[in-house]
N, C-alpha and C. Protein backbone atom coordinates (compact mmCIF):
# COMPACT_ATOMS: atom_id res chain seq x y z
N UNK A 1 112.51 134.65 92.84
CA UNK A 1 112.02 133.44 93.47
C UNK A 1 110.50 133.54 93.56
N UNK A 2 109.82 132.57 92.99
CA UNK A 2 108.35 132.54 93.02
C UNK A 2 107.87 131.80 94.26
N UNK A 3 106.90 132.38 94.94
CA UNK A 3 106.34 131.76 96.13
C UNK A 3 104.87 131.50 95.85
N UNK A 4 104.44 130.26 96.02
CA UNK A 4 103.02 129.95 95.82
C UNK A 4 102.23 130.42 97.03
N UNK A 5 100.94 130.56 96.83
CA UNK A 5 100.05 130.98 97.91
C UNK A 5 100.08 129.97 99.05
N UNK A 6 100.12 128.68 98.72
CA UNK A 6 100.15 127.63 99.75
C UNK A 6 101.46 127.68 100.54
N UNK A 7 102.59 127.92 99.85
CA UNK A 7 103.87 128.01 100.55
C UNK A 7 103.89 129.20 101.49
N UNK A 8 103.36 130.31 101.05
CA UNK A 8 103.31 131.50 101.89
C UNK A 8 102.45 131.25 103.12
N UNK A 9 101.32 130.58 102.93
CA UNK A 9 100.42 130.27 104.04
C UNK A 9 101.10 129.38 105.08
N UNK A 10 101.90 128.42 104.61
CA UNK A 10 102.60 127.49 105.51
C UNK A 10 103.90 128.05 106.07
N UNK A 11 104.32 129.23 105.60
CA UNK A 11 105.56 129.80 106.09
C UNK A 11 106.79 129.26 105.40
N UNK A 12 106.62 128.58 104.27
CA UNK A 12 107.76 128.07 103.51
C UNK A 12 108.14 129.10 102.46
N UNK A 13 109.43 129.31 102.29
CA UNK A 13 109.86 130.29 101.31
C UNK A 13 110.65 129.69 100.18
N UNK A 14 110.68 128.39 100.10
CA UNK A 14 111.25 127.71 98.94
C UNK A 14 110.45 126.44 98.71
N UNK A 15 110.49 125.97 97.51
CA UNK A 15 109.69 124.79 97.15
C UNK A 15 110.30 123.54 97.77
N UNK A 16 109.47 122.78 98.45
CA UNK A 16 109.89 121.51 99.03
C UNK A 16 108.93 120.45 98.50
N UNK A 17 109.47 119.35 98.02
CA UNK A 17 108.61 118.30 97.51
C UNK A 17 108.49 117.17 98.52
N UNK A 18 107.39 116.46 98.45
CA UNK A 18 107.20 115.30 99.32
C UNK A 18 108.09 114.17 98.86
N UNK A 19 108.58 113.35 99.79
CA UNK A 19 109.36 112.20 99.37
C UNK A 19 108.49 111.25 98.56
N UNK A 20 108.98 110.87 97.41
CA UNK A 20 108.19 109.99 96.56
C UNK A 20 108.69 108.56 96.69
N UNK A 21 107.78 107.65 96.57
CA UNK A 21 108.11 106.23 96.69
C UNK A 21 108.49 105.69 95.31
N UNK A 22 109.76 105.86 94.94
CA UNK A 22 110.30 105.35 93.70
C UNK A 22 109.51 105.80 92.48
N UNK A 23 109.14 107.05 92.43
CA UNK A 23 108.43 107.60 91.29
C UNK A 23 109.43 108.30 90.39
N UNK A 24 109.48 107.92 89.15
CA UNK A 24 110.36 108.54 88.19
C UNK A 24 109.80 109.89 87.79
N UNK A 25 110.65 110.86 87.46
CA UNK A 25 110.15 112.17 87.07
C UNK A 25 109.20 112.13 85.87
N UNK A 26 109.35 111.14 85.00
CA UNK A 26 108.50 111.05 83.82
C UNK A 26 107.12 110.45 84.13
N UNK A 27 106.94 109.91 85.33
CA UNK A 27 105.66 109.31 85.70
C UNK A 27 104.75 110.37 86.31
N UNK A 28 103.54 110.45 85.81
CA UNK A 28 102.57 111.40 86.33
C UNK A 28 101.95 110.86 87.61
N UNK A 29 101.68 111.78 88.56
CA UNK A 29 101.03 111.39 89.81
C UNK A 29 99.73 112.18 89.94
N UNK A 30 98.77 111.58 90.63
CA UNK A 30 97.51 112.25 90.94
C UNK A 30 97.11 111.93 92.37
N UNK A 31 96.37 112.84 92.95
CA UNK A 31 95.91 112.66 94.32
C UNK A 31 94.75 111.67 94.36
N UNK A 32 94.69 110.91 95.44
CA UNK A 32 93.60 109.99 95.71
C UNK A 32 93.14 110.21 97.15
N UNK A 33 91.85 110.09 97.37
CA UNK A 33 91.29 110.29 98.70
C UNK A 33 90.96 108.93 99.30
N UNK A 34 91.52 108.64 100.47
CA UNK A 34 91.29 107.37 101.14
C UNK A 34 90.07 107.39 102.04
N UNK A 35 89.71 106.24 102.55
CA UNK A 35 88.52 106.09 103.39
C UNK A 35 88.64 106.81 104.73
N UNK A 36 89.84 107.17 105.13
CA UNK A 36 90.03 107.85 106.42
C UNK A 36 89.69 109.34 106.36
N UNK A 37 89.30 109.85 105.20
CA UNK A 37 89.00 111.27 105.03
C UNK A 37 87.94 111.72 106.04
N UNK A 38 88.22 112.84 106.72
CA UNK A 38 87.29 113.34 107.73
C UNK A 38 85.94 113.74 107.14
N UNK A 39 85.92 114.17 105.89
CA UNK A 39 84.66 114.56 105.25
C UNK A 39 83.71 113.37 105.11
N UNK A 40 84.25 112.16 104.97
CA UNK A 40 83.41 110.97 104.86
C UNK A 40 82.71 110.66 106.18
N UNK A 41 83.30 111.10 107.28
CA UNK A 41 82.71 110.82 108.59
C UNK A 41 81.81 111.95 109.10
N UNK A 42 81.69 113.01 108.30
CA UNK A 42 80.82 114.12 108.67
C UNK A 42 81.53 115.29 109.32
N UNK A 43 82.85 115.22 109.42
CA UNK A 43 83.63 116.32 109.98
C UNK A 43 84.05 117.25 108.85
N UNK A 44 83.75 118.53 109.01
CA UNK A 44 84.09 119.50 107.97
C UNK A 44 85.55 119.88 108.10
N UNK A 45 86.38 119.46 107.15
CA UNK A 45 87.81 119.72 107.21
C UNK A 45 88.23 120.64 106.05
N UNK A 46 88.22 120.18 104.86
CA UNK A 46 88.54 120.91 103.62
C UNK A 46 89.96 121.45 103.55
N UNK A 47 90.87 120.93 104.33
CA UNK A 47 92.26 121.39 104.28
C UNK A 47 92.87 121.13 102.90
N UNK A 48 92.57 119.99 102.31
CA UNK A 48 93.15 119.66 101.01
C UNK A 48 92.71 120.66 99.94
N UNK A 49 91.45 121.00 99.93
CA UNK A 49 90.94 121.95 98.95
C UNK A 49 91.50 123.35 99.15
N UNK A 50 91.71 123.75 100.40
CA UNK A 50 92.27 125.06 100.69
C UNK A 50 93.71 125.21 100.21
N UNK A 51 94.44 124.10 100.17
CA UNK A 51 95.86 124.16 99.80
C UNK A 51 96.11 123.78 98.36
N UNK A 52 95.09 123.50 97.59
CA UNK A 52 95.26 123.14 96.18
C UNK A 52 95.21 124.42 95.34
N UNK A 53 96.38 124.85 94.86
CA UNK A 53 96.45 126.08 94.07
C UNK A 53 95.73 125.95 92.73
N UNK A 54 95.64 124.75 92.20
CA UNK A 54 94.99 124.54 90.91
C UNK A 54 93.47 124.38 91.01
N UNK A 55 92.94 124.26 92.22
CA UNK A 55 91.50 124.07 92.39
C UNK A 55 91.04 122.70 91.92
N UNK A 56 91.90 121.71 92.04
CA UNK A 56 91.57 120.37 91.57
C UNK A 56 90.67 119.61 92.54
N UNK A 57 90.52 120.11 93.76
CA UNK A 57 89.66 119.45 94.73
C UNK A 57 88.47 120.35 95.02
N UNK A 58 87.29 119.82 94.75
CA UNK A 58 86.07 120.57 95.05
C UNK A 58 85.22 119.72 95.99
N UNK A 59 84.22 120.34 96.57
CA UNK A 59 83.38 119.65 97.55
C UNK A 59 81.92 119.73 97.13
N UNK A 60 81.28 118.57 96.99
CA UNK A 60 79.88 118.49 96.62
C UNK A 60 79.04 118.35 97.88
N UNK A 61 78.00 119.18 98.03
CA UNK A 61 77.17 119.09 99.24
C UNK A 61 76.35 117.80 99.26
N UNK A 62 76.32 117.15 100.41
CA UNK A 62 75.54 115.93 100.59
C UNK A 62 74.31 116.17 101.47
N UNK A 63 74.22 117.34 102.08
CA UNK A 63 73.12 117.64 103.00
C UNK A 63 73.54 117.42 104.43
N UNK A 64 72.81 118.05 105.34
CA UNK A 64 73.09 117.96 106.77
C UNK A 64 74.52 118.36 107.12
N UNK A 65 75.05 119.33 106.40
CA UNK A 65 76.38 119.84 106.69
C UNK A 65 77.53 118.97 106.24
N UNK A 66 77.25 117.92 105.47
CA UNK A 66 78.31 117.04 104.99
C UNK A 66 78.68 117.40 103.56
N UNK A 67 79.95 117.26 103.24
CA UNK A 67 80.46 117.57 101.92
C UNK A 67 81.32 116.41 101.41
N UNK A 68 81.18 116.07 100.15
CA UNK A 68 81.95 114.99 99.54
C UNK A 68 83.10 115.57 98.73
N UNK A 69 84.36 115.26 99.08
CA UNK A 69 85.48 115.78 98.30
C UNK A 69 85.61 115.03 96.98
N UNK A 70 85.83 115.78 95.92
CA UNK A 70 85.97 115.21 94.58
C UNK A 70 87.22 115.79 93.95
N UNK A 71 88.05 114.94 93.34
CA UNK A 71 89.26 115.39 92.67
C UNK A 71 88.99 115.51 91.18
N UNK A 72 89.20 116.68 90.65
CA UNK A 72 89.11 116.92 89.21
C UNK A 72 90.43 116.46 88.61
N UNK A 73 90.46 115.24 88.10
CA UNK A 73 91.72 114.63 87.68
C UNK A 73 92.42 115.40 86.58
N UNK A 74 91.68 116.10 85.74
CA UNK A 74 92.31 116.89 84.69
C UNK A 74 93.06 118.09 85.22
N UNK A 75 92.69 118.57 86.41
CA UNK A 75 93.34 119.74 87.01
C UNK A 75 94.46 119.37 87.97
N UNK A 76 94.50 118.12 88.43
CA UNK A 76 95.50 117.71 89.42
C UNK A 76 96.87 117.58 88.75
N UNK A 77 97.85 118.28 89.32
CA UNK A 77 99.21 118.23 88.80
C UNK A 77 100.10 117.23 89.53
N UNK A 78 99.60 116.67 90.63
CA UNK A 78 100.39 115.72 91.40
C UNK A 78 101.44 116.38 92.26
N UNK A 79 101.23 117.64 92.63
CA UNK A 79 102.22 118.39 93.42
C UNK A 79 102.35 117.87 94.85
N UNK A 80 101.26 117.33 95.42
CA UNK A 80 101.31 116.78 96.77
C UNK A 80 101.00 117.75 97.88
N UNK A 81 100.62 118.99 97.54
CA UNK A 81 100.29 119.97 98.58
C UNK A 81 99.12 119.50 99.43
N UNK A 82 98.14 118.84 98.81
CA UNK A 82 96.97 118.35 99.55
C UNK A 82 97.34 117.24 100.52
N UNK A 83 98.22 116.35 100.09
CA UNK A 83 98.64 115.23 100.95
C UNK A 83 99.46 115.71 102.13
N UNK A 84 100.20 116.79 101.95
CA UNK A 84 101.07 117.29 103.02
C UNK A 84 100.27 117.88 104.18
N UNK A 85 99.08 118.39 103.92
CA UNK A 85 98.32 119.06 104.98
C UNK A 85 97.18 118.22 105.55
N UNK A 86 96.93 117.05 105.00
CA UNK A 86 95.83 116.21 105.48
C UNK A 86 96.09 115.76 106.92
N UNK A 87 95.22 116.11 107.87
CA UNK A 87 95.47 115.77 109.27
C UNK A 87 95.41 114.28 109.58
N UNK A 88 94.72 113.51 108.74
CA UNK A 88 94.61 112.07 108.99
C UNK A 88 95.33 111.25 107.91
N UNK A 89 96.10 111.92 107.07
CA UNK A 89 96.88 111.28 106.01
C UNK A 89 96.01 110.43 105.09
N UNK A 90 94.81 110.94 104.78
CA UNK A 90 93.91 110.22 103.88
C UNK A 90 94.24 110.48 102.41
N UNK A 91 94.95 111.55 102.13
CA UNK A 91 95.34 111.88 100.76
C UNK A 91 96.64 111.19 100.41
N UNK A 92 96.66 110.54 99.28
CA UNK A 92 97.87 109.88 98.79
C UNK A 92 98.13 110.31 97.36
N UNK A 93 99.35 110.22 96.94
CA UNK A 93 99.73 110.52 95.56
C UNK A 93 100.06 109.20 94.89
N UNK A 94 99.33 108.87 93.83
CA UNK A 94 99.53 107.60 93.15
C UNK A 94 99.99 107.84 91.72
N UNK A 95 100.81 106.92 91.23
CA UNK A 95 101.30 107.00 89.86
C UNK A 95 100.14 106.66 88.91
N UNK A 96 99.99 107.47 87.88
CA UNK A 96 98.91 107.29 86.92
C UNK A 96 99.46 106.51 85.73
N UNK A 97 98.71 105.50 85.31
CA UNK A 97 99.11 104.75 84.13
C UNK A 97 99.07 105.63 82.90
N UNK A 98 100.10 105.52 82.08
CA UNK A 98 100.19 106.38 80.89
C UNK A 98 99.25 106.02 79.83
């Protein structure tokens, strides 16, 4: 049984997926950051980046202690680990057009 670093950190010992809103397995999903993100308001959170095993979320410095979260779309697998840990539910998983 393989355990990801994020699952071990959260105390989960088996893979659990987020409930998807009518997403077919053949449809690719990617993370999107909403306006409610704490980093946009100047609060240093970075929970999404800490839980992304692929490193698809990076943070660009804006100055004065503020960081802008950026999703590297080529690295995002649509696993939903970032959305599961967002304290303000600003991260969403959206279906990507093929």
